[in-house]
Amino acid sequence: RDKNRFQLHAFVVMPDHVHVLITPATDQSTAKCIQYIKGGYSFA
C-alpha cells in the first residue's frame, strides 16, 4: 500500500483465509496486486 500499488480500504486476517478491500493503482492489474500480496508474504 505504501508503495502506492493499491489503496487499502479494509482487511481481516482470519486463521485460514484473508479478506481485503483494495483499489489497484491505475497502472496495476488486480492479478498483479494479488501477486504482490501473496508472493510478498510468501517470500517474507
PDB file of all heavy atoms in Angstrom:
ATOM      1  N   ARG A   1       0.845  -1.197   0.000  1.00  0.00           N
ATOM      2  CA  ARG A   1       0.000   0.000   0.000  1.00  0.00           C
ATOM      3  C   ARG A   1       0.879   1.245   0.000  1.00  0.00           C
ATOM      4  O   ARG A   1       0.658   2.188  -0.746  1.00  0.00           O
ATOM      5  CB  ARG A   1      -0.913  -0.004   1.226  1.00  0.00           C
ATOM      6  CG  ARG A   1      -1.748   1.259   1.364  1.00  0.00           C
ATOM      7  CD  ARG A   1      -1.844   1.646   2.852  1.00  0.00           C
ATOM      8  NE  ARG A   1      -2.572   2.878   3.007  1.00  0.00           N
ATOM      9  CZ  ARG A   1      -1.980   4.018   3.351  1.00  0.00           C
ATOM     10  NH1 ARG A   1      -0.681   4.086   3.569  1.00  0.00           N
ATOM     11  NH2 ARG A   1      -2.689   5.115   3.483  1.00  0.00           N
ATOM     12  N   ASP A   2       1.918   1.250   0.852  1.00  0.00           N
ATOM     13  CA  ASP A   2       2.797   2.414   0.963  1.00  0.00           C
ATOM     14  C   ASP A   2       3.636   2.636  -0.291  1.00  0.00           C
ATOM     15  O   ASP A   2       4.133   3.746  -0.511  1.00  0.00           O
ATOM     16  CB  ASP A   2       3.701   2.277   2.191  1.00  0.00           C
ATOM     17  CG  ASP A   2       2.908   2.335   3.500  1.00  0.00           C
ATOM     18  OD1 ASP A   2       1.716   2.732   3.483  1.00  0.00           O
ATOM     19  OD2 ASP A   2       3.481   1.959   4.552  1.00  0.00           O
ATOM     20  N   LYS A   3       3.774   1.617  -1.119  1.00  0.00           N
ATOM     21  CA  LYS A   3       4.453   1.764  -2.415  1.00  0.00           C
ATOM     22  C   LYS A   3       3.467   2.195  -3.504  1.00  0.00           C
ATOM     23  O   LYS A   3       3.808   2.202  -4.686  1.00  0.00           O
ATOM     24  CB  LYS A   3       5.128   0.452  -2.816  1.00  0.00           C
ATOM     25  CG  LYS A   3       6.329   0.119  -1.964  1.00  0.00           C
ATOM     26  CD  LYS A   3       6.976  -1.175  -2.413  1.00  0.00           C
ATOM     27  CE  LYS A   3       8.196  -1.486  -1.565  1.00  0.00           C
ATOM     28  NZ  LYS A   3       8.837  -2.751  -1.962  1.00  0.00           N
ATOM     29  N   ASN A   4       2.245   2.527  -3.100  1.00  0.00           N
ATOM     30  CA  ASN A   4       1.193   3.013  -3.997  1.00  0.00           C
ATOM     31  C   ASN A   4       0.798   2.004  -5.067  1.00  0.00           C
ATOM     32  O   ASN A   4       0.411   2.378  -6.172  1.00  0.00           O
ATOM     33  CB  ASN A   4       1.587   4.348  -4.634  1.00  0.00           C
ATOM     34  CG  ASN A   4       1.734   5.431  -3.595  1.00  0.00           C
ATOM     35  OD1 ASN A   4       0.886   5.580  -2.724  1.00  0.00           O
ATOM     36  ND2 ASN A   4       2.837   6.161  -3.661  1.00  0.00           N
ATOM     37  N   ARG A   5       0.879   0.725  -4.741  1.00  0.00           N
ATOM     38  CA  ARG A   5       0.446  -0.308  -5.685  1.00  0.00           C
ATOM     39  C   ARG A   5      -1.060  -0.483  -5.629  1.00  0.00           C
ATOM     40  O   ARG A   5      -1.674  -0.924  -6.592  1.00  0.00           O
ATOM     41  CB  ARG A   5       1.165  -1.611  -5.392  1.00  0.00           C
ATOM     42  CG  ARG A   5       2.643  -1.474  -5.704  1.00  0.00           C
ATOM     43  CD  ARG A   5       3.425  -2.685  -5.375  1.00  0.00           C
ATOM     44  NE  ARG A   5       4.756  -2.558  -5.957  1.00  0.00           N
ATOM     45  CZ  ARG A   5       5.812  -3.186  -5.499  1.00  0.00           C
ATOM     46  NH1 ARG A   5       5.707  -3.996  -4.464  1.00  0.00           N
ATOM     47  NH2 ARG A   5       6.975  -3.015  -6.081  1.00  0.00           N
ATOM     48  N   PHE A   6      -1.651  -0.154  -4.487  1.00  0.00           N
ATOM     49  CA  PHE A   6      -3.099  -0.186  -4.327  1.00  0.00           C
ATOM     50  C   PHE A   6      -3.475   0.640  -3.112  1.00  0.00           C
ATOM     51  O   PHE A   6      -2.641   0.916  -2.253  1.00  0.00           O
ATOM     52  CB  PHE A   6      -3.639  -1.618  -4.174  1.00  0.00           C
ATOM     53  CG  PHE A   6      -2.954  -2.457  -3.129  1.00  0.00           C
ATOM     54  CD1 PHE A   6      -3.236  -2.312  -1.771  1.00  0.00           C
ATOM     55  CD2 PHE A   6      -2.012  -3.404  -3.502  1.00  0.00           C
ATOM     56  CE1 PHE A   6      -2.602  -3.090  -0.821  1.00  0.00           C
ATOM     57  CE2 PHE A   6      -1.378  -4.195  -2.549  1.00  0.00           C
ATOM     58  CZ  PHE A   6      -1.673  -4.032  -1.205  1.00  0.00           C
ATOM     59  N   GLN A   7      -4.742   1.055  -3.095  1.00  0.00           N
ATOM     60  CA  GLN A   7      -5.303   1.647  -1.881  1.00  0.00           C
ATOM     61  C   GLN A   7      -5.862   0.494  -1.062  1.00  0.00           C
ATOM     62  O   GLN A   7      -6.454  -0.434  -1.613  1.00  0.00           O
ATOM     63  CB  GLN A   7      -6.416   2.628  -2.216  1.00  0.00           C
ATOM     64  CG  GLN A   7      -5.959   3.869  -2.912  1.00  0.00           C
ATOM     65  CD  GLN A   7      -7.137   4.770  -3.270  1.00  0.00           C
ATOM     66  OE1 GLN A   7      -8.278   4.543  -2.884  1.00  0.00           O
ATOM     67  NE2 GLN A   7      -6.862   5.814  -4.030  1.00  0.00           N
ATOM     68  N   LEU A   8      -5.681   0.563   0.229  1.00  0.00           N
ATOM     69  CA  LEU A   8      -6.158  -0.476   1.136  1.00  0.00           C
ATOM     70  C   LEU A   8      -7.278   0.111   1.989  1.00  0.00           C
ATOM     71  O   LEU A   8      -7.046   0.997   2.805  1.00  0.00           O
ATOM     72  CB  LEU A   8      -5.003  -0.970   2.020  1.00  0.00           C
ATOM     73  CG  LEU A   8      -5.305  -2.050   3.035  1.00  0.00           C
ATOM     74  CD1 LEU A   8      -5.787  -3.331   2.350  1.00  0.00           C
ATOM     75  CD2 LEU A   8      -4.063  -2.339   3.870  1.00  0.00           C
ATOM     76  N   HIS A   9      -8.502  -0.386   1.763  1.00  0.00           N
ATOM     77  CA  HIS A   9      -9.678   0.159   2.442  1.00  0.00           C
ATOM     78  C   HIS A   9     -10.098  -0.661   3.653  1.00  0.00           C
ATOM     79  O   HIS A   9     -10.723  -0.124   4.570  1.00  0.00           O
ATOM     80  CB  HIS A   9     -10.848   0.252   1.466  1.00  0.00           C
ATOM     81  CG  HIS A   9     -10.494   0.957   0.206  1.00  0.00           C
ATOM     82  ND1 HIS A   9     -10.235   2.315   0.153  1.00  0.00           N
ATOM     83  CD2 HIS A   9     -10.320   0.495  -1.052  1.00  0.00           C
ATOM     84  CE1 HIS A   9      -9.930   2.652  -1.095  1.00  0.00           C
ATOM     85  NE2 HIS A   9      -9.970   1.563  -1.836  1.00  0.00           N
ATOM     86  N   ALA A  10      -9.805  -1.952   3.636  1.00  0.00           N
ATOM     87  CA  ALA A  10     -10.189  -2.829   4.748  1.00  0.00           C
ATOM     88  C   ALA A  10      -9.464  -4.160   4.605  1.00  0.00           C
ATOM     89  O   ALA A  10      -9.066  -4.539   3.502  1.00  0.00           O
ATOM     90  CB  ALA A  10     -11.697  -3.066   4.752  1.00  0.00           C
ATOM     91  N   PHE A  11      -9.316  -4.859   5.723  1.00  0.00           N
ATOM     92  CA  PHE A  11      -8.779  -6.224   5.685  1.00  0.00           C
ATOM     93  C   PHE A  11      -9.111  -6.919   6.987  1.00  0.00           C
ATOM     94  O   PHE A  11      -9.373  -6.282   8.014  1.00  0.00           O
ATOM     95  CB  PHE A  11      -7.258  -6.240   5.466  1.00  0.00           C
ATOM     96  CG  PHE A  11      -6.464  -5.683   6.611  1.00  0.00           C
ATOM     97  CD1 PHE A  11      -6.121  -6.481   7.705  1.00  0.00           C
ATOM     98  CD2 PHE A  11      -6.055  -4.362   6.615  1.00  0.00           C
ATOM     99  CE1 PHE A  11      -5.388  -5.969   8.768  1.00  0.00           C
ATOM    100  CE2 PHE A  11      -5.328  -3.839   7.671  1.00  0.00           C
ATOM    101  CZ  PHE A  11      -4.992  -4.648   8.752  1.00  0.00           C
ATOM    102  N   VAL A  12      -9.103  -8.226   6.937  1.00  0.00           N
ATOM    103  CA  VAL A  12      -9.124  -9.065   8.122  1.00  0.00           C
ATOM    104  C   VAL A  12      -8.294 -10.300   7.792  1.00  0.00           C
ATOM    105  O   VAL A  12      -8.359 -10.826   6.682  1.00  0.00           O
ATOM    106  CB  VAL A  12     -10.549  -9.445   8.587  1.00  0.00           C
ATOM    107  CG1 VAL A  12     -11.272 -10.302   7.580  1.00  0.00           C
ATOM    108  CG2 VAL A  12     -10.516 -10.125   9.947  1.00  0.00           C
ATOM    109  N   VAL A  13      -7.466 -10.699   8.747  1.00  0.00           N
ATOM    110  CA  VAL A  13      -6.633 -11.887   8.599  1.00  0.00           C
ATOM    111  C   VAL A  13      -7.199 -12.944   9.539  1.00  0.00           C
ATOM    112  O   VAL A  13      -6.999 -12.875  10.754  1.00  0.00           O
ATOM    113  CB  VAL A  13      -5.153 -11.592   8.930  1.00  0.00           C
ATOM    114  CG1 VAL A  13      -4.296 -12.826   8.702  1.00  0.00           C
ATOM    115  CG2 VAL A  13      -4.638 -10.413   8.108  1.00  0.00           C
ATOM    116  N   MET A  14      -7.924 -13.879   8.986  1.00  0.00           N
ATOM    117  CA  MET A  14      -8.516 -14.973   9.755  1.00  0.00           C
ATOM    118  C   MET A  14      -7.513 -16.130   9.804  1.00  0.00           C
ATOM    119  O   MET A  14      -6.535 -16.123   9.049  1.00  0.00           O
ATOM    120  CB  MET A  14      -9.836 -15.395   9.124  1.00  0.00           C
ATOM    121  CG  MET A  14     -10.880 -14.278   9.073  1.00  0.00           C
ATOM    122  SD  MET A  14     -11.352 -13.649  10.689  1.00  0.00           S
ATOM    123  CE  MET A  14     -12.320 -15.029  11.289  1.00  0.00           C
ATOM    124  N   PRO A  15      -7.715 -17.119  10.659  1.00  0.00           N
ATOM    125  CA  PRO A  15      -6.735 -18.203  10.754  1.00  0.00           C
ATOM    126  C   PRO A  15      -6.460 -18.922   9.431  1.00  0.00           C
ATOM    127  O   PRO A  15      -5.312 -19.285   9.166  1.00  0.00           O
ATOM    128  CB  PRO A  15      -7.363 -19.159  11.777  1.00  0.00           C
ATOM    129  CG  PRO A  15      -8.177 -18.257  12.653  1.00  0.00           C
ATOM    130  CD  PRO A  15      -8.748 -17.226  11.705  1.00  0.00           C
ATOM    131  N   ASP A  16      -7.477 -19.095   8.579  1.00  0.00           N
ATOM    132  CA  ASP A  16      -7.289 -19.871   7.343  1.00  0.00           C
ATOM    133  C   ASP A  16      -7.626 -19.119   6.058  1.00  0.00           C
ATOM    134  O   ASP A  16      -7.701 -19.724   4.994  1.00  0.00           O
ATOM    135  CB  ASP A  16      -8.085 -21.177   7.413  1.00  0.00           C
ATOM    136  CG  ASP A  16      -9.584 -20.945   7.514  1.00  0.00           C
ATOM    137  OD1 ASP A  16     -10.021 -19.771   7.650  1.00  0.00           O
ATOM    138  OD2 ASP A  16     -10.325 -21.942   7.462  1.00  0.00           O
ATOM    139  N   HIS A  17      -7.848 -17.820   6.146  1.00  0.00           N
ATOM    140  CA  HIS A  17      -8.106 -17.010   4.945  1.00  0.00           C
ATOM    141  C   HIS A  17      -7.973 -15.533   5.287  1.00  0.00           C
ATOM    142  O   HIS A  17      -7.917 -15.164   6.459  1.00  0.00           O
ATOM    143  CB  HIS A  17      -9.494 -17.305   4.353  1.00  0.00           C
ATOM    144  CG  HIS A  17     -10.639 -16.847   5.208  1.00  0.00           C
ATOM    145  ND1 HIS A  17     -11.054 -17.544   6.333  1.00  0.00           N
ATOM    146  CD2 HIS A  17     -11.451 -15.773   5.106  1.00  0.00           C
ATOM    147  CE1 HIS A  17     -12.086 -16.917   6.872  1.00  0.00           C
ATOM    148  NE2 HIS A  17     -12.340 -15.832   6.158  1.00  0.00           N
ATOM    149  N   VAL A  18      -7.913 -14.723   4.234  1.00  0.00           N
ATOM    150  CA  VAL A  18      -7.876 -13.271   4.414  1.00  0.00           C
ATOM    151  C   VAL A  18      -8.899 -12.637   3.484  1.00  0.00           C
ATOM    152  O   VAL A  18      -9.217 -13.175   2.423  1.00  0.00           O
ATOM    153  CB  VAL A  18      -6.468 -12.682   4.148  1.00  0.00           C
ATOM    154  CG1 VAL A  18      -5.455 -13.232   5.124  1.00  0.00           C
ATOM    155  CG2 VAL A  18      -6.021 -12.907   2.723  1.00  0.00           C
ATOM    156  N   HIS A  19      -9.420 -11.497   3.922  1.00  0.00           N
ATOM    157  CA  HIS A  19     -10.277 -10.669   3.094  1.00  0.00           C
ATOM    158  C   HIS A  19      -9.592  -9.313   2.989  1.00  0.00           C
ATOM    159  O   HIS A  19      -9.125  -8.768   4.001  1.00  0.00           O
ATOM    160  CB  HIS A  19     -11.652 -10.445   3.731  1.00  0.00           C
ATOM    161  CG  HIS A  19     -12.469 -11.670   3.891  1.00  0.00           C
ATOM    162  ND1 HIS A  19     -13.080 -12.305   2.827  1.00  0.00           N
ATOM    163  CD2 HIS A  19     -12.798 -12.387   4.993  1.00  0.00           C
ATOM    164  CE1 HIS A  19     -13.752 -13.349   3.272  1.00  0.00           C
ATOM    165  NE2 HIS A  19     -13.587 -13.431   4.593  1.00  0.00           N
ATOM    166  N   VAL A  20      -9.532  -8.756   1.791  1.00  0.00           N
ATOM    167  CA  VAL A  20      -9.010  -7.410   1.596  1.00  0.00           C
ATOM    168  C   VAL A  20      -9.957  -6.642   0.682  1.00  0.00           C
ATOM    169  O   VAL A  20     -10.600  -7.222  -0.195  1.00  0.00           O
ATOM    170  CB  VAL A  20      -7.570  -7.395   1.018  1.00  0.00           C
ATOM    171  CG1 VAL A  20      -6.586  -7.995   1.995  1.00  0.00           C
ATOM    172  CG2 VAL A  20      -7.496  -8.089  -0.312  1.00  0.00           C
ATOM    173  N   LEU A  21     -10.047  -5.360   0.912  1.00  0.00           N
ATOM    174  CA  LEU A  21     -10.824  -4.455   0.072  1.00  0.00           C
ATOM    175  C   LEU A  21      -9.828  -3.448  -0.479  1.00  0.00           C
ATOM    176  O   LEU A  21      -9.275  -2.644   0.290  1.00  0.00           O
ATOM    177  CB  LEU A  21     -11.913  -3.787   0.909  1.00  0.00           C
ATOM    178  CG  LEU A  21     -12.940  -2.906   0.212  1.00  0.00           C
ATOM    179  CD1 LEU A  21     -13.716  -3.703  -0.843  1.00  0.00           C
ATOM    180  CD2 LEU A  21     -13.903  -2.315   1.228  1.00  0.00           C
ATOM    181  N   ILE A  22      -9.545  -3.543  -1.778  1.00  0.00           N
ATOM    182  CA  ILE A  22      -8.487  -2.721  -2.375  1.00  0.00           C
ATOM    183  C   ILE A  22      -8.958  -2.044  -3.659  1.00  0.00           C
ATOM    184  O   ILE A  22      -9.881  -2.515  -4.319  1.00  0.00           O
ATOM    185  CB  ILE A  22      -7.217  -3.537  -2.689  1.00  0.00           C
ATOM    186  CG1 ILE A  22      -7.485  -4.618  -3.747  1.00  0.00           C
ATOM    187  CG2 ILE A  22      -6.614  -4.129  -1.423  1.00  0.00           C
ATOM    188  CD1 ILE A  22      -6.235  -5.302  -4.282  1.00  0.00           C
ATOM    189  N   THR A  23      -8.286  -0.963  -3.985  1.00  0.00           N
ATOM    190  CA  THR A  23      -8.414  -0.309  -5.279  1.00  0.00           C
ATOM    191  C   THR A  23      -7.018  -0.302  -5.895  1.00  0.00           C
ATOM    192  O   THR A  23      -6.129   0.410  -5.414  1.00  0.00           O
ATOM    193  CB  THR A  23      -8.921   1.147  -5.138  1.00  0.00           C
ATOM    194  OG1 THR A  23     -10.189   1.128  -4.479  1.00  0.00           O
ATOM    195  CG2 THR A  23      -9.048   1.818  -6.504  1.00  0.00           C
ATOM    196  N   PRO A  24      -6.788  -1.145  -6.909  1.00  0.00           N
ATOM    197  CA  PRO A  24      -5.464  -1.156  -7.543  1.00  0.00           C
ATOM    198  C   PRO A  24      -5.119   0.210  -8.137  1.00  0.00           C
ATOM    199  O   PRO A  24      -6.003   0.946  -8.608  1.00  0.00           O
ATOM    200  CB  PRO A  24      -5.612  -2.200  -8.650  1.00  0.00           C
ATOM    201  CG  PRO A  24      -6.724  -3.085  -8.179  1.00  0.00           C
ATOM    202  CD  PRO A  24      -7.680  -2.155  -7.474  1.00  0.00           C
ATOM    203  N   ALA A  25      -3.842   0.554  -8.120  1.00  0.00           N
ATOM    204  CA  ALA A  25      -3.385   1.776  -8.781  1.00  0.00           C
ATOM    205  C   ALA A  25      -3.707   1.667 -10.268  1.00  0.00           C
ATOM    206  O   ALA A  25      -3.881   0.568 -10.804  1.00  0.00           O
ATOM    207  CB  ALA A  25      -1.882   1.949  -8.572  1.00  0.00           C
ATOM    208  N   THR A  26      -3.804   2.799 -10.940  1.00  0.00           N
ATOM    209  CA  THR A  26      -4.210   2.790 -12.348  1.00  0.00           C
ATOM    210  C   THR A  26      -3.247   2.017 -13.239  1.00  0.00           C
ATOM    211  O   THR A  26      -3.641   1.534 -14.291  1.00  0.00           O
ATOM    212  CB  THR A  26      -4.374   4.226 -12.890  1.00  0.00           C
ATOM    213  OG1 THR A  26      -3.158   4.951 -12.668  1.00  0.00           O
ATOM    214  CG2 THR A  26      -5.531   4.936 -12.212  1.00  0.00           C
ATOM    215  N   ASP A  27      -2.003   1.850 -12.804  1.00  0.00           N
ATOM    216  CA  ASP A  27      -1.031   1.101 -13.603  1.00  0.00           C
ATOM    217  C   ASP A  27      -0.852  -0.341 -13.135  1.00  0.00           C
ATOM    218  O   ASP A  27       0.094  -1.011 -13.542  1.00  0.00           O
ATOM    219  CB  ASP A  27       0.316   1.823 -13.638  1.00  0.00           C
ATOM    220  CG  ASP A  27       0.966   1.917 -12.264  1.00  0.00           C
ATOM    221  OD1 ASP A  27       0.274   1.738 -11.245  1.00  0.00           O
ATOM    222  OD2 ASP A  27       2.181   2.178 -12.213  1.00  0.00           O
ATOM    223  N   GLN A  28      -1.769  -0.830 -12.270  1.00  0.00           N
ATOM    224  CA  GLN A  28      -1.662  -2.189 -11.732  1.00  0.00           C
ATOM    225  C   GLN A  28      -2.946  -2.973 -12.021  1.00  0.00           C
ATOM    226  O   GLN A  28      -4.042  -2.452 -11.842  1.00  0.00           O
ATOM    227  CB  GLN A  28      -1.453  -2.158 -10.219  1.00  0.00           C
ATOM    228  CG  GLN A  28      -0.213  -1.438  -9.764  1.00  0.00           C
ATOM    229  CD  GLN A  28       1.065  -2.145 -10.148  1.00  0.00           C
ATOM    230  OE1 GLN A  28       1.127  -3.367 -10.216  1.00  0.00           O
ATOM    231  NE2 GLN A  28       2.096  -1.370 -10.426  1.00  0.00           N
ATOM    232  N   SER A  29      -2.802  -4.212 -12.414  1.00  0.00           N
ATOM    233  CA  SER A  29      -3.964  -5.086 -12.565  1.00  0.00           C
ATOM    234  C   SER A  29      -4.306  -5.683 -11.204  1.00  0.00           C
ATOM    235  O   SER A  29      -3.472  -5.712 -10.298  1.00  0.00           O
ATOM    236  CB  SER A  29      -3.667  -6.206 -13.557  1.00  0.00           C
ATOM    237  OG  SER A  29      -2.706  -7.084 -13.025  1.00  0.00           O
ATOM    238  N   THR A  30      -5.514  -6.179 -11.083  1.00  0.00           N
ATOM    239  CA  THR A  30      -5.911  -6.853  -9.846  1.00  0.00           C
ATOM    240  C   THR A  30      -5.021  -8.066  -9.618  1.00  0.00           C
ATOM    241  O   THR A  30      -4.556  -8.314  -8.499  1.00  0.00           O
ATOM    242  CB  THR A  30      -7.386  -7.280  -9.913  1.00  0.00           C
ATOM    243  OG1 THR A  30      -8.165  -6.146 -10.284  1.00  0.00           O
ATOM    244  CG2 THR A  30      -7.870  -7.809  -8.580  1.00  0.00           C
ATOM    245  N   ALA A  31      -4.784  -8.830 -10.668  1.00  0.00           N
ATOM    246  CA  ALA A  31      -3.941 -10.028 -10.553  1.00  0.00           C
ATOM    247  C   ALA A  31      -2.537  -9.666 -10.059  1.00  0.00           C
ATOM    248  O   ALA A  31      -1.958 -10.392  -9.244  1.00  0.00           O
ATOM    249  CB  ALA A  31      -3.867 -10.757 -11.890  1.00  0.00           C
ATOM    250  N   LYS A  32      -1.989  -8.565 -10.517  1.00  0.00           N
ATOM    251  CA  LYS A  32      -0.655  -8.145 -10.082  1.00  0.00           C
ATOM    252  C   LYS A  32      -0.672  -7.765  -8.600  1.00  0.00           C
ATOM    253  O   LYS A  32       0.258  -8.097  -7.858  1.00  0.00           O
ATOM    254  CB  LYS A  32      -0.159  -6.973 -10.940  1.00  0.00           C
ATOM    255  CG  LYS A  32       1.278  -6.609 -10.692  1.00  0.00           C
ATOM    256  CD  LYS A  32       2.201  -7.711 -11.133  1.00  0.00           C
ATOM    257  CE  LYS A  32       3.644  -7.301 -11.022  1.00  0.00           C
ATOM    258  NZ  LYS A  32       4.559  -8.400 -11.324  1.00  0.00           N
ATOM    259  N   CYS A  33      -1.734  -7.105  -8.169  1.00  0.00           N
ATOM    260  CA  CYS A  33      -1.844  -6.757  -6.749  1.00  0.00           C
ATOM    261  C   CYS A  33      -1.901  -8.006  -5.885  1.00  0.00           C
ATOM    262  O   CYS A  33      -1.271  -8.069  -4.828  1.00  0.00           O
ATOM    263  CB  CYS A  33      -3.077  -5.882  -6.513  1.00  0.00           C
ATOM    264  SG  CYS A  33      -2.914  -4.228  -7.203  1.00  0.00           S
ATOM    265  N   ILE A  34      -2.633  -9.021  -6.339  1.00  0.00           N
ATOM    266  CA  ILE A  34      -2.701 -10.282  -5.602  1.00  0.00           C
ATOM    267  C   ILE A  34      -1.327 -10.944  -5.583  1.00  0.00           C
ATOM    268  O   ILE A  34      -0.909 -11.516  -4.569  1.00  0.00           O
ATOM    269  CB  ILE A  34      -3.750 -11.227  -6.212  1.00  0.00           C
ATOM    270  CG1 ILE A  34      -5.133 -10.582  -6.167  1.00  0.00           C
ATOM    271  CG2 ILE A  34      -3.762 -12.578  -5.495  1.00  0.00           C
ATOM    272  CD1 ILE A  34      -5.596 -10.156  -4.812  1.00  0.00           C
ATOM    273  N   GLN A  35      -0.618 -10.848  -6.684  1.00  0.00           N
ATOM    274  CA  GLN A  35       0.749 -11.398  -6.733  1.00  0.00           C
ATOM    275  C   GLN A  35       1.638 -10.693  -5.709  1.00  0.00           C
ATOM    276  O   GLN A  35       2.432 -11.342  -5.015  1.00  0.00           O
ATOM    277  CB  GLN A  35       1.316 -11.247  -8.139  1.00  0.00           C
ATOM    278  CG  GLN A  35       2.685 -11.858  -8.310  1.00  0.00           C
ATOM    279  CD  GLN A  35       3.210 -11.683  -9.736  1.00  0.00           C
ATOM    280  OE1 GLN A  35       2.513 -11.228 -10.621  1.00  0.00           O
ATOM    281  NE2 GLN A  35       4.458 -12.049  -9.930  1.00  0.00           N
ATOM    282  N   TYR A  36       1.525  -9.371  -5.616  1.00  0.00           N
ATOM    283  CA  TYR A  36       2.302  -8.637  -4.604  1.00  0.00           C
ATOM    284  C   TYR A  36       1.959  -9.135  -3.204  1.00  0.00           C
ATOM    285  O   TYR A  36       2.845  -9.344  -2.367  1.00  0.00           O
ATOM    286  CB  TYR A  36       2.017  -7.132  -4.666  1.00  0.00           C
ATOM    287  CG  TYR A  36       2.565  -6.421  -5.864  1.00  0.00           C
ATOM    288  CD1 TYR A  36       1.768  -5.533  -6.579  1.00  0.00           C
ATOM    289  CD2 TYR A  36       3.883  -6.593  -6.277  1.00  0.00           C
ATOM    290  CE1 TYR A  36       2.256  -4.847  -7.680  1.00  0.00           C
ATOM    291  CE2 TYR A  36       4.394  -5.920  -7.376  1.00  0.00           C
ATOM    292  CZ  TYR A  36       3.573  -5.044  -8.077  1.00  0.00           C
ATOM    293  OH  TYR A  36       4.059  -4.368  -9.153  1.00  0.00           O
ATOM    294  N   ILE A  37       0.665  -9.311  -2.939  1.00  0.00           N
ATOM    295  CA  ILE A  37       0.221  -9.702  -1.602  1.00  0.00           C
ATOM    296  C   ILE A  37       0.657 -11.132  -1.279  1.00  0.00           C
ATOM    297  O   ILE A  37       1.333 -11.375  -0.275  1.00  0.00           O
ATOM    298  CB  ILE A  37      -1.309  -9.547  -1.478  1.00  0.00           C
ATOM    299  CG1 ILE A  37      -1.693  -8.058  -1.549  1.00  0.00           C
ATOM    300  CG2 ILE A  37      -1.816 -10.183  -0.193  1.00  0.00           C
ATOM    301  CD1 ILE A  37      -3.187  -7.804  -1.723  1.00  0.00           C
ATOM    302  N   LYS A  38       0.266 -12.087  -2.125  1.00  0.00           N
ATOM    303  CA  LYS A  38       0.586 -13.486  -1.850  1.00  0.00           C
ATOM    304  C   LYS A  38       2.088 -13.751  -1.965  1.00  0.00           C
ATOM    305  O   LYS A  38       2.687 -14.365  -1.080  1.00  0.00           O
ATOM    306  CB  LYS A  38      -0.176 -14.406  -2.816  1.00  0.00           C
ATOM    307  CG  LYS A  38      -1.659 -14.486  -2.539  1.00  0.00           C
ATOM    308  CD  LYS A  38      -2.417 -15.254  -3.606  1.00  0.00           C
ATOM    309  CE  LYS A  38      -2.209 -16.734  -3.562  1.00  0.00           C
ATOM    310  NZ  LYS A  38      -3.116 -17.455  -4.490  1.00  0.00           N
ATOM    311  N   GLY A  39       2.689 -13.289  -3.040  1.00  0.00           N
ATOM    312  CA  GLY A  39       4.115 -13.518  -3.256  1.00  0.00           C
ATOM    313  C   GLY A  39       4.977 -12.780  -2.252  1.00  0.00           C
ATOM    314  O   GLY A  39       5.969 -13.315  -1.754  1.00  0.00           O
ATOM    315  N   GLY A  40       4.596 -11.538  -1.956  1.00  0.00           N
ATOM    316  CA  GLY A  40       5.352 -10.758  -0.982  1.00  0.00           C
ATOM    317  C   GLY A  40       5.331 -11.398   0.390  1.00  0.00           C
ATOM    318  O   GLY A  40       6.354 -11.479   1.073  1.00  0.00           O
ATOM    319  N   TYR A  41       4.162 -11.889   0.781  1.00  0.00           N
ATOM    320  CA  TYR A  41       4.070 -12.553   2.076  1.00  0.00           C
ATOM    321  C   TYR A  41       4.856 -13.869   2.069  1.00  0.00           C
ATOM    322  O   TYR A  41       5.608 -14.152   3.004  1.00  0.00           O
ATOM    323  CB  TYR A  41       2.615 -12.819   2.495  1.00  0.00           C
ATOM    324  CG  TYR A  41       2.587 -13.623   3.761  1.00  0.00           C
ATOM    325  CD1 TYR A  41       2.873 -13.010   4.980  1.00  0.00           C
ATOM    326  CD2 TYR A  41       2.372 -14.993   3.749  1.00  0.00           C
ATOM    327  CE1 TYR A  41       2.929 -13.755   6.151  1.00  0.00           C
ATOM    328  CE2 TYR A  41       2.426 -15.742   4.910  1.00  0.00           C
ATOM    329  CZ  TYR A  41       2.701 -15.117   6.107  1.00  0.00           C
ATOM    330  OH  TYR A  41       2.774 -15.852   7.254  1.00  0.00           O
ATOM    331  N   SER A  42       4.685 -14.670   1.027  1.00  0.00           N
ATOM    332  CA  SER A  42       5.377 -15.960   0.957  1.00  0.00           C
ATOM    333  C   SER A  42       6.888 -15.773   1.040  1.00  0.00           C
ATOM    334  O   SER A  42       7.576 -16.523   1.740  1.00  0.00           O
ATOM    335  CB  SER A  42       5.015 -16.700  -0.334  1.00  0.00           C
ATOM    336  OG  SER A  42       3.655 -17.032  -0.334  1.00  0.00           O
ATOM    337  N   PHE A  43       7.398 -14.773   0.330  1.00  0.00           N
ATOM    338  CA  PHE A  43       8.837 -14.501   0.363  1.00  0.00           C
ATOM    339  C   PHE A  43       9.273 -14.120   1.777  1.00  0.00           C
ATOM    340  O   PHE A  43      10.267 -14.627   2.288  1.00  0.00           O
ATOM    341  CB  PHE A  43       9.183 -13.383  -0.631  1.00  0.00           C
ATOM    342  CG  PHE A  43      10.641 -13.075  -0.677  1.00  0.00           C
ATOM    343  CD1 PHE A  43      11.514 -13.882  -1.399  1.00  0.00           C
ATOM    344  CD2 PHE A  43      11.150 -11.980   0.003  1.00  0.00           C
ATOM    345  CE1 PHE A  43      12.883 -13.605  -1.441  1.00  0.00           C
ATOM    346  CE2 PHE A  43      12.515 -11.696  -0.032  1.00  0.00           C
ATOM    347  CZ  PHE A  43      13.375 -12.517  -0.754  1.00  0.00           C
ATOM    348  N   ALA A  44       8.517 -13.239   2.419  1.00  0.00           N
ATOM    349  CA  ALA A  44       8.874 -12.793   3.764  1.00  0.00           C
ATOM    350  C   ALA A  44       8.742 -13.915   4.795  1.00  0.00           C
ATOM    351  O   ALA A  44       9.505 -13.969   5.759  1.00  0.00           O
ATOM    352  CB  ALA A  44       7.996 -11.612   4.160  1.00  0.00           C
TER     353      ALA A  44
END
